[in-house]
């Protein structure tokens, strides 16, 4: 690699960014941050980035709007310091679920964020498993999308769970579930599920397919309040499933998620580290699989102008 500098956009992103730097054999970029008494953010880049290939990593940890301002301010500082190229690394794309105008007089915040990122001076975006693949087209700059699927599949392969069935959480996820079922060489089942309004309350009504006595695997791109997943776990268990495992890329785990997981019949939630998991949320049912090396390799390939797609072939 040539002339690469990697920065963490916030203190909360330093652990993930440091793991990337360790993989690449680089030191974490030096920066000074402070908060003024009027609540304004300030930072200063403490090393030369002129004509450098700069990568800014930002993870999602509340408060989300603070994370957005931190990364935009850092990008502006780096741009004004005459960096050759700025790549924004967003393991989890913020506001990804506000991706379409599905009600009257509502925003499309995912696209607004894309416009803000471009306006700040970002040259390229690197993210992972978008909630809606169409978000990639919201950008007029290159947006590379990685996937944590292979890491989740590898974990379950090594676990060697017998008598499996892959359960699709709804009709929309059946195509993805079918690919998992092909890999594991096992049958597929489908949950007939409806969502009630904006309160994240999912109502599952029945199971299509044979799951009695089998170990169920459920995959999703993210688990937020866990309402949808826990409802799926409940109906799958009522239909006679033995153990239920959930795999997801983004473990947002907001609001009542942890208490819901604790009180559920879920055997294990396997997620990646795209969203930091604070100690207060670490419970025995949660297993975290790291994607730091995957992002490190993608950064290496961007800098060397080689294929990122080959990572998944």
C-alpha atoms as a PDB file:
ATOM      1  CA  UNK A   1       0.000   0.000   0.000  1.00  0.00           C
ATOM      2  CA  UNK A   2       1.051   3.586  -0.606  1.00  0.00           C
ATOM      3  CA  UNK A   3       0.438   6.758   1.431  1.00  0.00           C
ATOM      4  CA  UNK A   4      -2.454   5.351   3.492  1.00  0.00           C
ATOM      5  CA  UNK A   5      -3.750   6.971   6.688  1.00  0.00           C
ATOM      6  CA  UNK A   6      -6.689   5.563   8.661  1.00  0.00           C
ATOM      7  CA  UNK A   7      -8.604   7.671  11.203  1.00  0.00           C
ATOM      8  CA  UNK A   8     -11.360   6.874  13.688  1.00  0.00           C
ATOM      9  CA  UNK A   9     -14.058   9.528  13.354  1.00  0.00           C
ATOM     10  CA  UNK A  10     -14.949   9.250  17.057  1.00  0.00           C
ATOM     11  CA  UNK A  11     -13.796   7.671  20.294  1.00  0.00           C
ATOM     12  CA  UNK A  12     -16.495   5.008  19.900  1.00  0.00           C
ATOM     13  CA  UNK A  13     -15.017   3.977  16.533  1.00  0.00           C
ATOM     14  CA  UNK A  14     -11.445   3.584  17.800  1.00  0.00           C
ATOM     15  CA  UNK A  15     -11.666  -0.120  18.736  1.00  0.00           C
ATOM     16  CA  UNK A  16     -12.937  -1.197  15.305  1.00  0.00           C
ATOM     17  CA  UNK A  17     -10.512   1.159  13.540  1.00  0.00           C
ATOM     18  CA  UNK A  18      -7.556  -0.068  15.616  1.00  0.00           C
ATOM     19  CA  UNK A  19      -8.368  -3.662  14.627  1.00  0.00           C
ATOM     20  CA  UNK A  20      -8.342  -2.600  10.955  1.00  0.00           C
ATOM     21  CA  UNK A  21      -5.000  -0.849  11.437  1.00  0.00           C
ATOM     22  CA  UNK A  22      -3.524  -3.917  13.162  1.00  0.00           C
ATOM     23  CA  UNK A  23      -4.495  -6.033  10.142  1.00  0.00           C
ATOM     24  CA  UNK A  24      -2.911  -3.514   7.763  1.00  0.00           C
ATOM     25  CA  UNK A  25       0.189  -2.992   9.908  1.00  0.00           C
ATOM     26  CA  UNK A  26      -0.532   0.726  10.292  1.00  0.00           C
ATOM     27  CA  UNK A  27      -0.661   3.126  13.217  1.00  0.00           C
ATOM     28  CA  UNK A  28      -4.026   4.713  13.954  1.00  0.00           C
ATOM     29  CA  UNK A  29      -4.171   8.258  12.592  1.00  0.00           C
ATOM     30  CA  UNK A  30      -3.573  10.923  15.237  1.00  0.00           C
ATOM     31  CA  UNK A  31      -6.309  13.439  16.002  1.00  0.00           C
ATOM     32  CA  UNK A  32      -7.223  15.837  18.809  1.00  0.00           C
ATOM     33  CA  UNK A  33     -10.919  16.113  19.740  1.00  0.00           C
ATOM     34  CA  UNK A  34     -12.694  18.326  22.210  1.00  0.00           C
ATOM     35  CA  UNK A  35     -16.165  19.588  23.021  1.00  0.00           C
ATOM     36  CA  UNK A  36     -16.624  23.300  23.692  1.00  0.00           C
ATOM     37  CA  UNK A  37     -18.857  24.493  26.511  1.00  0.00           C
ATOM     38  CA  UNK A  38     -21.502  25.502  23.959  1.00  0.00           C
ATOM     39  CA  UNK A  39     -21.648  21.797  22.873  1.00  0.00           C
ATOM     40  CA  UNK A  40     -19.852  22.445  19.571  1.00  0.00           C
ATOM     41  CA  UNK A  41     -17.387  19.817  18.370  1.00  0.00           C
ATOM     42  CA  UNK A  42     -13.803  20.628  17.468  1.00  0.00           C
ATOM     43  CA  UNK A  43     -11.002  18.481  16.108  1.00  0.00           C
ATOM     44  CA  UNK A  44      -7.546  18.876  14.642  1.00  0.00           C
ATOM     45  CA  UNK A  45      -5.678  16.350  12.501  1.00  0.00           C
ATOM     46  CA  UNK A  46      -2.257  15.887  14.101  1.00  0.00           C
ATOM     47  CA  UNK A  47      -0.349  14.518  11.125  1.00  0.00           C
ATOM     48  CA  UNK A  48       0.192  15.404   7.479  1.00  0.00           C
ATOM     49  CA  UNK A  49      -2.418  14.057   5.059  1.00  0.00           C
ATOM     50  CA  UNK A  50      -1.473  16.128   2.005  1.00  0.00           C
ATOM     51  CA  UNK A  51      -1.801  13.939  -1.122  1.00  0.00           C
ATOM     52  CA  UNK A  52      -2.514  10.890   1.092  1.00  0.00           C
ATOM     53  CA  UNK A  53      -5.141   8.181   0.604  1.00  0.00           C
ATOM     54  CA  UNK A  54      -7.230   8.748   3.739  1.00  0.00           C
ATOM     55  CA  UNK A  55      -9.842   6.412   5.243  1.00  0.00           C
ATOM     56  CA  UNK A  56     -12.258   7.686   7.902  1.00  0.00           C
ATOM     57  CA  UNK A  57     -14.030   4.988   9.943  1.00  0.00           C
ATOM     58  CA  UNK A  58     -17.238   5.722  11.813  1.00  0.00           C
ATOM     59  CA  UNK A  59     -19.326   3.185  13.741  1.00  0.00           C
ATOM     60  CA  UNK A  60     -22.899   3.558  14.963  1.00  0.00           C
ATOM     61  CA  UNK A  61     -23.365   4.029  18.669  1.00  0.00           C
ATOM     62  CA  UNK A  62     -25.865   6.440  20.253  1.00  0.00           C
ATOM     63  CA  UNK A  63     -26.251   9.341  19.938  1.00  0.00           C
ATOM     64  CA  UNK A  64     -26.495   8.667  16.204  1.00  0.00           C
ATOM     65  CA  UNK A  65     -26.785  12.323  15.139  1.00  0.00           C
ATOM     66  CA  UNK A  66     -23.584  13.079  17.070  1.00  0.00           C
ATOM     67  CA  UNK A  67     -21.815  10.328  15.122  1.00  0.00           C
ATOM     68  CA  UNK A  68     -22.914  11.953  11.847  1.00  0.00           C
ATOM     69  CA  UNK A  69     -21.539  15.368  12.795  1.00  0.00           C
ATOM     70  CA  UNK A  70     -18.261  13.833  14.028  1.00  0.00           C
ATOM     71  CA  UNK A  71     -17.590  12.154  10.696  1.00  0.00           C
ATOM     72  CA  UNK A  72     -18.623  15.165   8.594  1.00  0.00           C
ATOM     73  CA  UNK A  73     -16.411  17.506  10.630  1.00  0.00           C
ATOM     74  CA  UNK A  74     -13.450  15.128  10.309  1.00  0.00           C
ATOM     75  CA  UNK A  75     -13.958  14.781   6.556  1.00  0.00           C
ATOM     76  CA  UNK A  76     -14.033  18.568   6.202  1.00  0.00           C
ATOM     77  CA  UNK A  77     -10.784  18.922   8.176  1.00  0.00           C
ATOM     78  CA  UNK A  78      -9.049  16.281   6.051  1.00  0.00           C
ATOM     79  CA  UNK A  79     -10.324  17.801   2.811  1.00  0.00           C
ATOM     80  CA  UNK A  80      -8.984  21.217   3.820  1.00  0.00           C
ATOM     81  CA  UNK A  81      -5.640  19.568   4.632  1.00  0.00           C
ATOM     82  CA  UNK A  82      -5.365  18.611   0.923  1.00  0.00           C
ATOM     83  CA  UNK A  83      -5.824  14.831   1.092  1.00  0.00           C
ATOM     84  CA  UNK A  84      -5.667  13.142  -2.300  1.00  0.00           C
ATOM     85  CA  UNK A  85      -8.730  10.950  -1.654  1.00  0.00           C
ATOM     86  CA  UNK A  86     -11.118  10.469   1.279  1.00  0.00           C
ATOM     87  CA  UNK A  87     -12.951   7.177   1.724  1.00  0.00           C
ATOM     88  CA  UNK A  88     -15.658   7.065   4.382  1.00  0.00           C
ATOM     89  CA  UNK A  89     -15.945   3.634   6.010  1.00  0.00           C
ATOM     90  CA  UNK A  90     -19.407   3.026   7.477  1.00  0.00           C
ATOM     91  CA  UNK A  91     -19.692  -0.595   8.645  1.00  0.00           C
ATOM     92  CA  UNK A  92     -23.363   0.140   9.384  1.00  0.00           C
ATOM     93  CA  UNK A  93     -25.059   2.787   7.247  1.00  0.00           C
ATOM     94  CA  UNK A  94     -26.861   5.217   9.529  1.00  0.00           C
ATOM     95  CA  UNK A  95     -30.564   5.889   8.871  1.00  0.00           C
ATOM     96  CA  UNK A  96     -30.606   2.905   6.515  1.00  0.00           C
ATOM     97  CA  UNK A  97     -34.200   2.015   7.409  1.00  0.00           C
ATOM     98  CA  UNK A  98     -35.515   5.449   6.392  1.00  0.00           C
ATOM     99  CA  UNK A  99     -34.839   4.553   2.777  1.00  0.00           C
ATOM    100  CA  UNK A 100     -38.082   5.340   0.942  1.00  0.00           C
ATOM    101  CA  UNK A 101     -41.134   7.602   1.016  1.00  0.00           C
ATOM    102  CA  UNK A 102     -43.659   5.003   2.156  1.00  0.00           C
ATOM    103  CA  UNK A 103     -46.010   7.452   3.916  1.00  0.00           C
ATOM    104  CA  UNK A 104     -47.223  10.971   3.121  1.00  0.00           C
ATOM    105  CA  UNK A 105     -44.934  13.865   4.120  1.00  0.00           C
ATOM    106  CA  UNK A 106     -41.989  11.786   5.404  1.00  0.00           C
ATOM    107  CA  UNK A 107     -38.260  12.200   4.633  1.00  0.00           C
ATOM    108  CA  UNK A 108     -35.903   9.818   2.855  1.00  0.00           C
ATOM    109  CA  UNK A 109     -33.119  10.332   5.366  1.00  0.00           C
ATOM    110  CA  UNK A 110     -30.861   7.629   3.936  1.00  0.00           C
ATOM    111  CA  UNK A 111     -30.589   9.642   0.717  1.00  0.00           C
ATOM    112  CA  UNK A 112     -30.221  12.930   2.600  1.00  0.00           C
ATOM    113  CA  UNK A 113     -27.251  11.430   4.452  1.00  0.00           C
ATOM    114  CA  UNK A 114     -25.698  10.343   1.148  1.00  0.00           C
ATOM    115  CA  UNK A 115     -26.008  13.909  -0.141  1.00  0.00           C
ATOM    116  CA  UNK A 116     -24.420  15.303   3.041  1.00  0.00           C
ATOM    117  CA  UNK A 117     -21.525  12.856   2.761  1.00  0.00           C
ATOM    118  CA  UNK A 118     -20.832  13.890  -0.826  1.00  0.00           C
ATOM    119  CA  UNK A 119     -21.139  17.598  -0.009  1.00  0.00           C
ATOM    120  CA  UNK A 120     -18.569  17.220   2.801  1.00  0.00           C
ATOM    121  CA  UNK A 121     -15.976  16.038   0.280  1.00  0.00           C
ATOM    122  CA  UNK A 122     -15.961  12.242   0.498  1.00  0.00           C
ATOM    123  CA  UNK A 123     -14.568  10.559  -2.617  1.00  0.00           C
ATOM    124  CA  UNK A 124     -15.764   7.019  -1.925  1.00  0.00           C
ATOM    125  CA  UNK A 125     -17.915   5.096   0.580  1.00  0.00           C
ATOM    126  CA  UNK A 126     -17.308   1.608   1.975  1.00  0.00           C
ATOM    127  CA  UNK A 127     -20.192  -0.016   3.860  1.00  0.00           C
ATOM    128  CA  UNK A 128     -21.710  -3.436   4.574  1.00  0.00           C
ATOM    129  CA  UNK A 129     -25.032  -5.262   4.019  1.00  0.00           C
ATOM    130  CA  UNK A 130     -27.352  -2.345   3.331  1.00  0.00           C
ATOM    131  CA  UNK A 131     -30.918  -2.708   4.614  1.00  0.00           C
ATOM    132  CA  UNK A 132     -32.034  -1.771   1.106  1.00  0.00           C
ATOM    133  CA  UNK A 133     -29.531  -2.391  -1.732  1.00  0.00           C
ATOM    134  CA  UNK A 134     -30.996   0.635  -3.540  1.00  0.00           C
ATOM    135  CA  UNK A 135     -29.204   2.911  -1.038  1.00  0.00           C
ATOM    136  CA  UNK A 136     -26.006   2.247  -2.995  1.00  0.00           C
ATOM    137  CA  UNK A 137     -27.552   4.169  -5.904  1.00  0.00           C
ATOM    138  CA  UNK A 138     -28.236   7.212  -3.705  1.00  0.00           C
ATOM    139  CA  UNK A 139     -24.577   8.166  -4.194  1.00  0.00           C
ATOM    140  CA  UNK A 140     -23.043   9.854  -7.223  1.00  0.00           C
ATOM    141  CA  UNK A 141     -19.647   8.613  -6.013  1.00  0.00           C
ATOM    142  CA  UNK A 142     -18.419   5.032  -5.737  1.00  0.00           C
ATOM    143  CA  UNK A 143     -20.114   3.071  -2.948  1.00  0.00           C
ATOM    144  CA  UNK A 144     -18.696  -0.393  -2.234  1.00  0.00           C
ATOM    145  CA  UNK A 145     -20.869  -2.785  -0.228  1.00  0.00           C
ATOM    146  CA  UNK A 146     -19.258  -5.627   1.691  1.00  0.00           C
ATOM    147  CA  UNK A 147     -21.192  -8.519   3.236  1.00  0.00           C
ATOM    148  CA  UNK A 148     -20.894 -10.361   6.524  1.00  0.00           C
ATOM    149  CA  UNK A 149     -22.798 -13.374   5.204  1.00  0.00           C
ATOM    150  CA  UNK A 150     -19.729 -15.567   4.624  1.00  0.00           C
ATOM    151  CA  UNK A 151     -18.531 -14.961   8.197  1.00  0.00           C
ATOM    152  CA  UNK A 152     -21.921 -15.905   9.656  1.00  0.00           C
ATOM    153  CA  UNK A 153     -22.109 -19.010   7.473  1.00  0.00           C
ATOM    154  CA  UNK A 154     -18.586 -20.013   8.484  1.00  0.00           C
ATOM    155  CA  UNK A 155     -19.528 -19.760  12.163  1.00  0.00           C
ATOM    156  CA  UNK A 156     -22.549 -22.054  11.739  1.00  0.00           C
ATOM    157  CA  UNK A 157     -20.521 -24.460   9.586  1.00  0.00           C
ATOM    158  CA  UNK A 158     -17.990 -24.803  12.386  1.00  0.00           C
ATOM    159  CA  UNK A 159     -20.761 -25.243  14.954  1.00  0.00           C
ATOM    160  CA  UNK A 160     -22.018 -28.234  12.946  1.00  0.00           C
ATOM    161  CA  UNK A 161     -25.648 -28.022  14.069  1.00  0.00           C
ATOM    162  CA  UNK A 162     -27.567 -31.206  13.120  1.00  0.00           C
ATOM    163  CA  UNK A 163     -31.016 -31.482  11.531  1.00  0.00           C
ATOM    164  CA  UNK A 164     -31.225 -27.850  10.405  1.00  0.00           C
ATOM    165  CA  UNK A 165     -34.001 -25.857   8.754  1.00  0.00           C
ATOM    166  CA  UNK A 166     -33.569 -22.279   7.500  1.00  0.00           C
ATOM    167  CA  UNK A 167     -36.567 -20.092   8.356  1.00  0.00           C
ATOM    168  CA  UNK A 168     -37.424 -17.000   6.290  1.00  0.00           C
ATOM    169  CA  UNK A 169     -38.813 -14.257   8.543  1.00  0.00           C
ATOM    170  CA  UNK A 170     -41.249 -13.103   5.825  1.00  0.00           C
ATOM    171  CA  UNK A 171     -41.917 -13.448   2.108  1.00  0.00           C
ATOM    172  CA  UNK A 172     -39.433 -10.690   1.316  1.00  0.00           C
ATOM    173  CA  UNK A 173     -36.540 -12.614   2.859  1.00  0.00           C
ATOM    174  CA  UNK A 174     -37.373 -15.973   1.254  1.00  0.00           C
ATOM    175  CA  UNK A 175     -34.888 -15.550  -1.624  1.00  0.00           C
ATOM    176  CA  UNK A 176     -32.032 -14.911   0.813  1.00  0.00           C
ATOM    177  CA  UNK A 177     -33.155 -17.802   3.041  1.00  0.00           C
ATOM    178  CA  UNK A 178     -33.170 -20.127   0.031  1.00  0.00           C
ATOM    179  CA  UNK A 179     -29.481 -19.348  -0.609  1.00  0.00           C
ATOM    180  CA  UNK A 180     -28.632 -20.226   2.996  1.00  0.00           C
ATOM    181  CA  UNK A 181     -30.638 -23.448   2.713  1.00  0.00           C
ATOM    182  CA  UNK A 182     -28.714 -24.364  -0.436  1.00  0.00           C
ATOM    183  CA  UNK A 183     -25.407 -23.836   1.362  1.00  0.00           C
ATOM    184  CA  UNK A 184     -26.402 -25.891   4.410  1.00  0.00           C
ATOM    185  CA  UNK A 185     -28.187 -28.479   2.239  1.00  0.00           C
ATOM    186  CA  UNK A 186     -31.308 -28.312   4.379  1.00  0.00           C
ATOM    187  CA  UNK A 187     -35.014 -27.480   3.922  1.00  0.00           C
ATOM    188  CA  UNK A 188     -36.576 -24.022   4.161  1.00  0.00           C
ATOM    189  CA  UNK A 189     -39.649 -22.764   6.031  1.00  0.00           C
ATOM    190  CA  UNK A 190     -41.504 -19.440   5.845  1.00  0.00           C
ATOM    191  CA  UNK A 191     -43.164 -17.274   8.494  1.00  0.00           C
ATOM    192  CA  UNK A 192     -46.382 -15.509   7.497  1.00  0.00           C
ATOM    193  CA  UNK A 193     -45.819 -12.199   9.310  1.00  0.00           C
ATOM    194  CA  UNK A 194     -47.392  -8.741   9.316  1.00  0.00           C
ATOM    195  CA  UNK A 195     -46.040  -5.486  10.763  1.00  0.00           C
ATOM    196  CA  UNK A 196     -48.379  -3.159  12.650  1.00  0.00           C
ATOM    197  CA  UNK A 197     -47.706   0.554  11.916  1.00  0.00           C
ATOM    198  CA  UNK A 198     -44.466   2.286  12.954  1.00  0.00           C
ATOM    199  CA  UNK A 199     -44.015   0.722  16.392  1.00  0.00           C
ATOM    200  CA  UNK A 200     -41.843  -2.199  15.210  1.00  0.00           C
ATOM    201  CA  UNK A 201     -44.484  -4.651  16.424  1.00  0.00           C
ATOM    202  CA  UNK A 202     -44.397  -7.745  14.240  1.00  0.00           C
ATOM    203  CA  UNK A 203     -47.323 -10.152  14.195  1.00  0.00           C
ATOM    204  CA  UNK A 204     -46.474 -13.684  13.059  1.00  0.00           C
ATOM    205  CA  UNK A 205     -49.478 -15.843  12.176  1.00  0.00           C
ATOM    206  CA  UNK A 206     -48.281 -19.244  10.913  1.00  0.00           C
ATOM    207  CA  UNK A 207     -45.386 -21.355   9.636  1.00  0.00           C
ATOM    208  CA  UNK A 208     -45.246 -22.716   6.103  1.00  0.00           C
ATOM    209  CA  UNK A 209     -42.984 -25.776   6.008  1.00  0.00           C
ATOM    210  CA  UNK A 210     -41.924 -28.608   8.307  1.00  0.00           C
ATOM    211  CA  UNK A 211     -39.835 -27.537  11.309  1.00  0.00           C
ATOM    212  CA  UNK A 212     -40.996 -29.820  14.113  1.00  0.00           C
ATOM    213  CA  UNK A 213     -38.002 -31.379  15.890  1.00  0.00           C
ATOM    214  CA  UNK A 214     -35.507 -29.436  13.767  1.00  0.00           C
ATOM    215  CA  UNK A 215     -32.948 -26.786  14.740  1.00  0.00           C
ATOM    216  CA  UNK A 216     -34.018 -23.509  13.147  1.00  0.00           C
ATOM    217  CA  UNK A 217     -31.613 -20.973  11.618  1.00  0.00           C
ATOM    218  CA  UNK A 218     -32.957 -17.464  11.015  1.00  0.00           C
ATOM    219  CA  UNK A 219     -30.961 -14.812   9.129  1.00  0.00           C
ATOM    220  CA  UNK A 220     -31.561 -11.078   8.858  1.00  0.00           C
ATOM    221  CA  UNK A 221     -29.509  -8.017   7.911  1.00  0.00           C
ATOM    222  CA  UNK A 222     -30.040  -6.395  11.322  1.00  0.00           C
ATOM    223  CA  UNK A 223     -31.658  -6.825  14.720  1.00  0.00           C
ATOM    224  CA  UNK A 224     -32.811  -3.503  16.183  1.00  0.00           C
ATOM    225  CA  UNK A 225     -35.411  -3.654  18.970  1.00  0.00           C
ATOM    226  CA  UNK A 226     -35.601  -7.446  18.461  1.00  0.00           C
ATOM    227  CA  UNK A 227     -39.417  -7.336  18.366  1.00  0.00           C
ATOM    228  CA  UNK A 228     -39.641  -8.966  14.936  1.00  0.00           C
ATOM    229  CA  UNK A 229     -37.033 -11.632  15.665  1.00  0.00           C
ATOM    230  CA  UNK A 230     -38.466 -12.579  19.061  1.00  0.00           C
ATOM    231  CA  UNK A 231     -41.945 -12.922  17.573  1.00  0.00           C
ATOM    232  CA  UNK A 232     -40.454 -15.202  14.914  1.00  0.00           C
ATOM    233  CA  UNK A 233     -38.629 -17.248  17.560  1.00  0.00           C
ATOM    234  CA  UNK A 234     -41.858 -17.611  19.533  1.00  0.00           C
ATOM    235  CA  UNK A 235     -43.928 -18.937  16.652  1.00  0.00           C
ATOM    236  CA  UNK A 236     -41.118 -21.227  15.456  1.00  0.00           C
ATOM    237  CA  UNK A 237     -40.838 -22.756  18.924  1.00  0.00           C
ATOM    238  CA  UNK A 238     -44.625 -23.144  19.120  1.00  0.00           C
ATOM    239  CA  UNK A 239     -44.481 -24.999  15.798  1.00  0.00           C
ATOM    240  CA  UNK A 240     -42.146 -27.540  17.396  1.00  0.00           C
ATOM    241  CA  UNK A 241     -38.624 -26.359  16.561  1.00  0.00           C
ATOM    242  CA  UNK A 242     -35.914 -27.655  18.887  1.00  0.00           C
ATOM    243  CA  UNK A 243     -33.275 -24.884  19.189  1.00  0.00           C
ATOM    244  CA  UNK A 244     -33.494 -21.529  17.405  1.00  0.00           C
ATOM    245  CA  UNK A 245     -30.412 -19.602  16.208  1.00  0.00           C
ATOM    246  CA  UNK A 246     -30.384 -16.122  14.679  1.00  0.00           C
ATOM    247  CA  UNK A 247     -27.608 -14.698  12.500  1.00  0.00           C
ATOM    248  CA  UNK A 248     -27.418 -11.022  11.549  1.00  0.00           C
ATOM    249  CA  UNK A 249     -24.808  -8.598  10.261  1.00  0.00           C
ATOM    250  CA  UNK A 250     -25.845  -5.558  12.296  1.00  0.00           C
ATOM    251  CA  UNK A 251     -26.705  -5.980  15.966  1.00  0.00           C
ATOM    252  CA  UNK A 252     -28.186  -2.557  16.697  1.00  0.00           C
ATOM    253  CA  UNK A 253     -29.973  -3.871  19.818  1.00  0.00           C
ATOM    254  CA  UNK A 254     -31.744  -0.673  20.789  1.00  0.00           C
ATOM    255  CA  UNK A 255     -34.419  -0.057  23.421  1.00  0.00           C
ATOM    256  CA  UNK A 256     -35.829  -3.282  24.913  1.00  0.00           C
ATOM    257  CA  UNK A 257     -33.769  -5.597  22.685  1.00  0.00           C
ATOM    258  CA  UNK A 258     -31.520  -7.073  25.392  1.00  0.00           C
ATOM    259  CA  UNK A 259     -34.357  -7.754  27.835  1.00  0.00           C
ATOM    260  CA  UNK A 260     -36.374  -9.346  25.019  1.00  0.00           C
ATOM    261  CA  UNK A 261     -33.458 -11.591  24.076  1.00  0.00           C
ATOM    262  CA  UNK A 262     -32.888 -12.611  27.706  1.00  0.00           C
ATOM    263  CA  UNK A 263     -36.541 -13.564  28.191  1.00  0.00           C
ATOM    264  CA  UNK A 264     -36.882 -15.420  24.888  1.00  0.00           C
ATOM    265  CA  UNK A 265     -36.364 -19.049  23.882  1.00  0.00           C
ATOM    266  CA  UNK A 266     -33.582 -17.996  21.516  1.00  0.00           C
ATOM    267  CA  UNK A 267     -30.564 -20.287  21.775  1.00  0.00           C
ATOM    268  CA  UNK A 268     -28.014 -17.905  20.246  1.00  0.00           C
ATOM    269  CA  UNK A 269     -27.777 -14.581  18.426  1.00  0.00           C
ATOM    270  CA  UNK A 270     -24.707 -14.487  16.183  1.00  0.00           C
ATOM    271  CA  UNK A 271     -23.842 -11.022  14.879  1.00  0.00           C
ATOM    272  CA  UNK A 272     -20.847  -9.128  13.529  1.00  0.00           C
ATOM    273  CA  UNK A 273     -19.064  -6.150  15.099  1.00  0.00           C
ATOM    274  CA  UNK A 274     -20.271  -3.520  12.598  1.00  0.00           C
ATOM    275  CA  UNK A 275     -22.117  -1.936  15.531  1.00  0.00           C
ATOM    276  CA  UNK A 276     -20.145  -1.758  18.816  1.00  0.00           C
ATOM    277  CA  UNK A 277     -21.556  -3.963  21.598  1.00  0.00           C
ATOM    278  CA  UNK A 278     -21.075  -2.199  24.951  1.00  0.00           C
ATOM    279  CA  UNK A 279     -20.425  -4.266  28.060  1.00  0.00           C
ATOM    280  CA  UNK A 280     -23.890  -3.599  29.461  1.00  0.00           C
ATOM    281  CA  UNK A 281     -25.377  -5.391  26.439  1.00  0.00           C
ATOM    282  CA  UNK A 282     -23.088  -8.422  26.510  1.00  0.00           C
ATOM    283  CA  UNK A 283     -25.094 -11.508  27.469  1.00  0.00           C
ATOM    284  CA  UNK A 284     -24.444 -15.233  27.106  1.00  0.00           C
ATOM    285  CA  UNK A 285     -26.876 -15.575  24.198  1.00  0.00           C
ATOM    286  CA  UNK A 286     -24.884 -13.152  22.002  1.00  0.00           C
ATOM    287  CA  UNK A 287     -21.836 -14.197  19.950  1.00  0.00           C
ATOM    288  CA  UNK A 288     -19.867 -11.541  18.022  1.00  0.00           C
ATOM    289  CA  UNK A 289     -17.967 -12.363  14.818  1.00  0.00           C
ATOM    290  CA  UNK A 290     -15.390  -9.769  13.722  1.00  0.00           C
ATOM    291  CA  UNK A 291     -15.384  -8.170  10.247  1.00  0.00           C
ATOM    292  CA  UNK A 292     -12.360  -5.977  10.970  1.00  0.00           C
ATOM    293  CA  UNK A 293     -10.030  -8.027   8.742  1.00  0.00           C
ATOM    294  CA  UNK A 294     -12.611  -7.989   5.932  1.00  0.00           C
ATOM    295  CA  UNK A 295     -12.726  -4.185   6.043  1.00  0.00           C
ATOM    296  CA  UNK A 296      -8.941  -4.050   6.322  1.00  0.00           C
ATOM    297  CA  UNK A 297      -8.566  -6.177   3.191  1.00  0.00           C
ATOM    298  CA  UNK A 298     -11.115  -4.011   1.346  1.00  0.00           C
ATOM    299  CA  UNK A 299      -9.159  -0.869   2.288  1.00  0.00           C
ATOM    300  CA  UNK A 300      -5.978  -2.511   1.027  1.00  0.00           C
ATOM    301  CA  UNK A 301      -7.631  -3.359  -2.295  1.00  0.00           C
ATOM    302  CA  UNK A 302      -9.080   0.143  -2.718  1.00  0.00           C
ATOM    303  CA  UNK A 303      -5.633   1.640  -2.193  1.00  0.00           C
ATOM    304  CA  UNK A 304      -4.021  -0.833  -4.612  1.00  0.00           C
ATOM    305  CA  UNK A 305      -6.842  -0.450  -7.175  1.00  0.00           C
ATOM    306  CA  UNK A 306      -7.619  -4.188  -7.205  1.00  0.00           C
ATOM    307  CA  UNK A 307     -10.961  -5.990  -7.137  1.00  0.00           C
ATOM    308  CA  UNK A 308     -13.122  -5.962  -4.004  1.00  0.00           C
ATOM    309  CA  UNK A 309     -15.647  -8.324  -5.612  1.00  0.00           C
ATOM    310  CA  UNK A 310     -13.041 -11.102  -5.613  1.00  0.00           C
ATOM    311  CA  UNK A 311     -13.365 -11.206  -1.815  1.00  0.00           C
ATOM    312  CA  UNK A 312     -16.739 -12.919  -2.244  1.00  0.00           C
ATOM    313  CA  UNK A 313     -16.073 -15.212  -5.191  1.00  0.00           C
END
